[in-house]
Amino acid sequence: MRLSIHAWLDYSLPEPADLLFALEVAQTPDQRLVEDLLKVGGTGTLTPITADDGVGRRTWARGEGRVTARYTATVEIERPATRLRGLGADDLKALPAAVVPYLFPSRYCESDRLDAVVRREFGNAIGGDRIAAMVDWIRAHLTYEPGSDAGTTAVDTLVARRGVCRDYAHLLIALARAADIPARMVGAYAWALEPEDFHAVVEVWLDGGWRLVDPTGLAPEEGIARIGVGRDATDISFLTIFGRADLVEQSVTVKRLDA
């Protein structure tokens, strides 16, 4: 699948601040950048750095006043739809060192508080079957509600039974970790997502590799372009501002070019 991606950010900064952008599509075996361009206005020198786990990159800048960022890309994605059922869970002792941290609780994914929920709701399934059951449960019990509080955790979402993509992702990650299956959050662009915006999905470690899944079911996995990965929403923000800023405008457009 070939996608055309366009992202636009426009912020007003009342005083100088450091900015960390995460807008660029990552180069991975299943997605290839044909071309891309990041143009930032209202800042000084741009300094790119490697993002978490070596997936994608972030860009530092120092800005003040009106700061804008425009990112355009063409990306080829060669990824079949994810099939979770039948995949096995890896022996924890054999996990790669870089995967082990994704077994632990994090700020928004309190997996240590969900052991009883996992045993009660998903105790009879294992491996990929267990993750598939979690995805089905989340889609059946949660209501997608734009405008939900950005500070909610997985437990908050479990109680409220509503949220946006980040909340769905946090809950699946926390449930998977509570079941001793590594899981990490993925910031992404997504084709066929309505309304169009930055998207948060999940990767779970099964049968020796990361498996991409969208717990909201709003976008097909074969049309998702990863930007970066991390423990939870803290690590995948498309823009982190170390100071004060007001949003003026933001937009994301993803179009399929080979339909």
Protein backbone atom coordinates (compact mmCIF):
# COMPACT_ATOMS: atom_id res chain seq x y z
CA MET A 1 0.00 0.00 0.00
CA ARG A 2 1.36 3.44 -0.93
CA LEU A 3 0.31 6.34 1.28
CA SER A 4 0.64 10.12 1.02
CA ILE A 5 0.95 11.78 4.44
CA HIS A 6 0.62 15.42 5.40
CA ALA A 7 0.82 16.83 8.94
CA TRP A 8 0.58 20.50 9.94
CA LEU A 9 1.20 22.03 13.38
CA ASP A 10 0.81 25.69 14.32
CA TYR A 11 1.58 26.84 17.89
CA SER A 12 2.01 30.16 19.66
CA LEU A 13 4.73 30.29 22.33
CA PRO A 14 4.51 33.23 24.79
CA GLU A 15 8.17 32.71 25.71
CA PRO A 16 11.14 30.72 24.34
CA ALA A 17 10.91 26.96 24.82
CA ASP A 18 12.64 23.76 23.76
CA LEU A 19 10.60 21.57 21.41
CA LEU A 20 10.90 17.87 20.61
CA PHE A 21 9.10 16.87 17.42
CA ALA A 22 8.18 13.28 16.51
CA LEU A 23 6.52 13.61 13.11
CA GLU A 24 8.68 11.62 10.71
CA VAL A 25 7.69 8.14 9.51
CA ALA A 26 10.13 5.45 10.70
CA GLN A 27 12.06 3.25 8.31
CA THR A 28 11.26 -0.35 9.25
CA PRO A 29 11.30 -3.65 7.32
CA ASP A 30 7.57 -3.44 6.60
CA GLN A 31 7.37 0.27 5.70
CA ARG A 32 9.70 2.12 3.32
CA LEU A 33 9.96 5.87 2.95
CA VAL A 34 9.91 6.86 -0.70
CA GLU A 35 10.40 10.52 0.17
CA ASP A 36 9.69 12.87 3.04
CA LEU A 37 10.33 16.44 4.17
CA LEU A 38 10.04 18.19 7.55
CA LYS A 39 9.92 22.00 7.46
CA VAL A 40 9.82 23.93 10.75
CA GLY A 41 9.34 27.67 11.11
CA GLY A 42 9.97 29.96 14.08
CA THR A 43 12.88 27.97 15.49
CA GLY A 44 16.64 27.83 15.36
CA THR A 45 18.75 24.88 14.26
CA LEU A 46 17.04 21.48 14.07
CA THR A 47 18.86 18.60 15.79
CA PRO A 48 17.65 15.06 14.97
CA ILE A 49 18.16 12.20 17.43
CA THR A 50 17.34 8.49 17.32
CA ALA A 51 14.01 7.64 18.95
CA ASP A 52 13.25 4.84 21.44
CA ASP A 53 14.39 1.33 20.44
CA GLY A 54 15.93 2.83 17.29
CA VAL A 55 12.48 3.11 15.69
CA GLY A 56 12.26 6.46 13.87
CA ARG A 57 13.75 9.71 15.08
CA ARG A 58 12.88 12.86 16.98
CA THR A 59 14.01 16.41 16.26
CA TRP A 60 15.03 19.05 18.80
CA ALA A 61 14.46 22.76 18.21
CA ARG A 62 14.36 26.00 20.18
CA GLY A 63 11.36 28.16 19.35
CA GLU A 64 9.52 31.29 20.33
CA GLY A 65 6.55 33.27 19.05
CA ARG A 66 4.74 31.50 16.23
CA VAL A 67 6.12 28.02 15.55
CA THR A 68 4.92 25.90 12.65
CA ALA A 69 5.84 22.43 11.38
CA ARG A 70 4.86 20.86 8.07
CA TYR A 71 5.65 17.22 7.36
CA THR A 72 4.98 15.46 4.06
CA ALA A 73 5.84 11.90 3.13
CA THR A 74 5.20 9.10 0.67
CA VAL A 75 5.54 5.66 2.21
CA GLU A 76 5.23 2.09 0.89
CA ILE A 77 3.76 -0.35 3.40
CA GLU A 78 4.09 -4.09 2.89
CA ARG A 79 2.32 -5.58 5.87
CA PRO A 80 -0.49 -8.14 5.92
CA ALA A 81 -3.36 -7.84 8.34
CA THR A 82 -2.29 -8.97 11.81
CA ARG A 83 -3.30 -12.52 12.78
CA LEU A 84 -3.01 -12.95 16.54
CA ARG A 85 -4.76 -16.25 17.10
CA GLY A 86 -2.42 -19.21 17.18
CA LEU A 87 0.69 -17.18 17.98
CA GLY A 88 2.63 -18.35 21.00
CA ALA A 89 3.88 -16.38 23.98
CA ASP A 90 7.66 -16.45 24.32
CA ASP A 91 9.51 -17.88 27.31
CA LEU A 92 10.25 -14.80 29.43
CA LYS A 93 13.81 -15.97 30.07
CA ALA A 94 14.49 -16.00 26.32
CA LEU A 95 13.23 -12.48 25.60
CA PRO A 96 15.71 -10.06 23.98
CA ALA A 97 17.04 -7.54 26.51
CA ALA A 98 15.40 -4.63 24.67
CA VAL A 99 11.97 -6.27 24.99
CA VAL A 100 12.08 -6.95 28.76
CA PRO A 101 11.21 -3.35 29.86
CA TYR A 102 7.85 -3.70 28.10
CA LEU A 103 6.79 -6.26 30.72
CA PHE A 104 6.75 -3.63 33.49
CA PRO A 105 4.11 -1.11 34.59
CA SER A 106 4.52 2.46 33.35
CA ARG A 107 2.96 5.83 34.09
CA TYR A 108 -0.25 5.28 32.10
CA CYS A 109 -0.27 1.46 32.04
CA GLU A 110 -0.64 0.16 35.61
CA SER A 111 -0.41 -3.51 34.71
CA ASP A 112 0.37 -4.41 38.34
CA ARG A 113 -3.24 -3.48 39.21
CA LEU A 114 -4.88 -5.67 36.57
CA ASP A 115 -3.79 -9.21 37.47
CA ALA A 116 -7.23 -10.12 38.84
CA VAL A 117 -8.99 -8.73 35.76
CA VAL A 118 -6.78 -10.78 33.45
CA ARG A 119 -7.34 -13.98 35.43
CA ARG A 120 -11.10 -13.42 35.58
CA GLU A 121 -11.74 -12.36 31.99
CA PHE A 122 -8.99 -14.10 30.01
CA GLY A 123 -7.72 -16.90 32.20
CA ASN A 124 -8.44 -19.75 29.78
CA ALA A 125 -6.60 -18.34 26.75
CA ILE A 126 -2.85 -18.17 26.11
CA GLY A 127 -0.50 -16.30 23.78
CA GLY A 128 -2.03 -14.67 20.75
CA ASP A 129 -5.45 -16.11 21.57
CA ARG A 130 -5.33 -14.24 24.87
CA ILE A 131 -4.39 -10.94 23.20
CA ALA A 132 -7.14 -11.43 20.61
CA ALA A 133 -9.64 -11.99 23.42
CA MET A 134 -8.45 -8.77 25.09
CA VAL A 135 -8.90 -6.82 21.86
CA ASP A 136 -12.41 -8.24 21.41
CA TRP A 137 -13.28 -7.38 25.01
CA ILE A 138 -12.01 -3.81 24.70
CA ARG A 139 -13.97 -3.20 21.50
CA ALA A 140 -17.12 -4.66 23.05
CA HIS A 141 -16.94 -2.79 26.37
CA LEU A 142 -15.44 0.61 25.53
CA THR A 143 -17.08 3.53 23.72
CA TYR A 144 -14.89 5.68 21.49
CA GLU A 145 -15.44 9.22 22.73
CA PRO A 146 -13.42 12.09 21.18
CA GLY A 147 -12.33 14.74 23.63
CA SER A 148 -11.62 12.40 26.54
CA ASP A 149 -9.22 13.56 29.27
CA ALA A 150 -5.60 13.28 28.10
CA GLY A 151 -4.46 12.37 31.62
CA THR A 152 -6.37 9.11 31.97
CA THR A 153 -4.59 5.86 32.74
CA ALA A 154 -5.46 2.31 31.77
CA VAL A 155 -7.29 1.78 35.08
CA ASP A 156 -9.21 5.04 34.61
CA THR A 157 -10.28 3.83 31.17
CA LEU A 158 -11.30 0.43 32.49
CA VAL A 159 -13.57 2.13 35.03
CA ALA A 160 -14.98 4.80 32.68
CA ARG A 161 -15.41 2.39 29.74
CA ARG A 162 -14.73 5.17 27.23
CA GLY A 163 -11.84 7.03 25.65
CA VAL A 164 -9.87 7.75 22.51
CA CYS A 165 -7.16 5.76 20.74
CA ARG A 166 -4.52 6.43 23.42
CA ASP A 167 -6.90 5.08 26.09
CA TYR A 168 -7.70 1.93 24.11
CA ALA A 169 -3.96 1.42 23.57
CA HIS A 170 -3.09 1.97 27.23
CA LEU A 171 -5.69 -0.56 28.35
CA LEU A 172 -4.53 -3.26 25.92
CA ILE A 173 -0.89 -2.66 26.86
CA ALA A 174 -1.66 -2.90 30.58
CA LEU A 175 -3.72 -6.07 30.17
CA ALA A 176 -1.03 -7.70 28.01
CA ARG A 177 1.74 -6.86 30.50
CA ALA A 178 -0.42 -8.18 33.33
CA ALA A 179 -0.54 -11.43 31.37
CA ASP A 180 3.30 -11.42 31.08
CA ILE A 181 3.24 -10.54 27.38
CA PRO A 182 5.45 -7.57 26.40
CA ALA A 183 3.53 -4.67 24.88
CA ARG A 184 4.49 -1.20 23.73
CA MET A 185 2.69 1.85 22.37
CA VAL A 186 3.07 3.03 18.78
CA GLY A 187 2.55 6.57 17.51
CA ALA A 188 1.42 6.45 13.90
CA TYR A 189 -0.33 7.83 10.88
CA ALA A 190 -3.29 5.73 9.75
CA TRP A 191 -5.14 5.38 6.48
CA ALA A 192 -8.96 5.23 6.63
CA LEU A 193 -9.06 6.73 10.12
CA GLU A 194 -12.08 8.94 10.81
CA PRO A 195 -11.66 11.67 11.87
CA GLU A 196 -8.11 12.00 10.54
CA ASP A 197 -5.54 12.65 13.28
CA PHE A 198 -2.39 11.20 14.80
CA HIS A 199 -3.15 7.65 15.93
CA ALA A 200 -2.02 5.45 18.83
CA VAL A 201 -1.87 1.67 18.41
CA VAL A 202 -0.08 -1.25 20.07
CA GLU A 203 2.62 -3.81 19.38
CA VAL A 204 2.70 -7.06 21.36
CA TRP A 205 5.62 -9.46 21.41
CA LEU A 206 4.51 -12.93 20.26
CA ASP A 207 6.36 -15.78 18.52
CA GLY A 208 9.64 -13.88 18.53
CA GLY A 209 8.49 -10.58 17.05
CA TRP A 210 6.41 -7.44 17.48
CA ARG A 211 2.83 -7.75 16.18
CA LEU A 212 0.94 -4.56 15.32
CA VAL A 213 -2.69 -4.24 16.41
CA ASP A 214 -5.19 -1.38 16.55
CA PRO A 215 -7.41 -2.01 19.59
CA THR A 216 -9.93 0.60 18.40
CA GLY A 217 -10.50 -1.28 15.13
CA LEU A 218 -10.71 2.11 13.37
CA ALA A 219 -7.77 1.57 11.02
CA PRO A 220 -6.47 -1.53 9.21
CA GLU A 221 -3.01 -2.60 10.42
CA GLU A 222 -1.81 -2.82 6.82
CA GLY A 223 -2.47 0.93 6.43
CA ILE A 224 -0.62 2.12 9.56
CA ALA A 225 2.69 4.00 9.23
CA ARG A 226 4.72 3.96 12.46
CA ILE A 227 6.33 7.16 13.73
CA GLY A 228 7.81 5.82 16.96
CA VAL A 229 7.34 3.49 19.92
CA GLY A 230 7.53 3.66 23.70
CA ARG A 231 6.21 2.56 27.07
CA ASP A 232 3.03 4.65 26.82
CA ALA A 233 1.77 8.03 25.58
CA THR A 234 4.58 9.82 27.41
CA ASP A 235 7.10 8.40 24.93
CA ILE A 236 5.24 8.84 21.62
CA SER A 237 3.99 12.44 21.71
CA PHE A 238 4.23 14.04 18.26
CA LEU A 239 5.35 17.26 19.97
CA THR A 240 6.71 17.71 23.48
CA ILE A 241 7.01 21.33 24.60
CA PHE A 242 9.32 22.15 27.51
CA GLY A 243 7.55 25.36 28.39
CA ARG A 244 4.22 27.04 27.57
CA ALA A 245 2.40 26.98 24.24
CA ASP A 246 -1.06 27.50 22.77
CA LEU A 247 -2.36 25.40 19.90
CA VAL A 248 -3.44 27.50 16.91
CA GLU A 249 -4.11 24.77 14.36
CA GLN A 250 -3.33 21.11 13.75
CA SER A 251 -4.24 18.75 10.91
CA VAL A 252 -3.33 15.32 9.58
CA THR A 253 -4.19 13.89 6.16
CA VAL A 254 -3.43 10.35 4.98
CA LYS A 255 -4.40 9.29 1.45
CA ARG A 256 -3.94 6.04 -0.39
CA LEU A 257 -2.20 6.53 -3.73
CA ASP A 258 -2.56 3.02 -5.24
CA ALA A 259 -6.28 2.39 -4.64
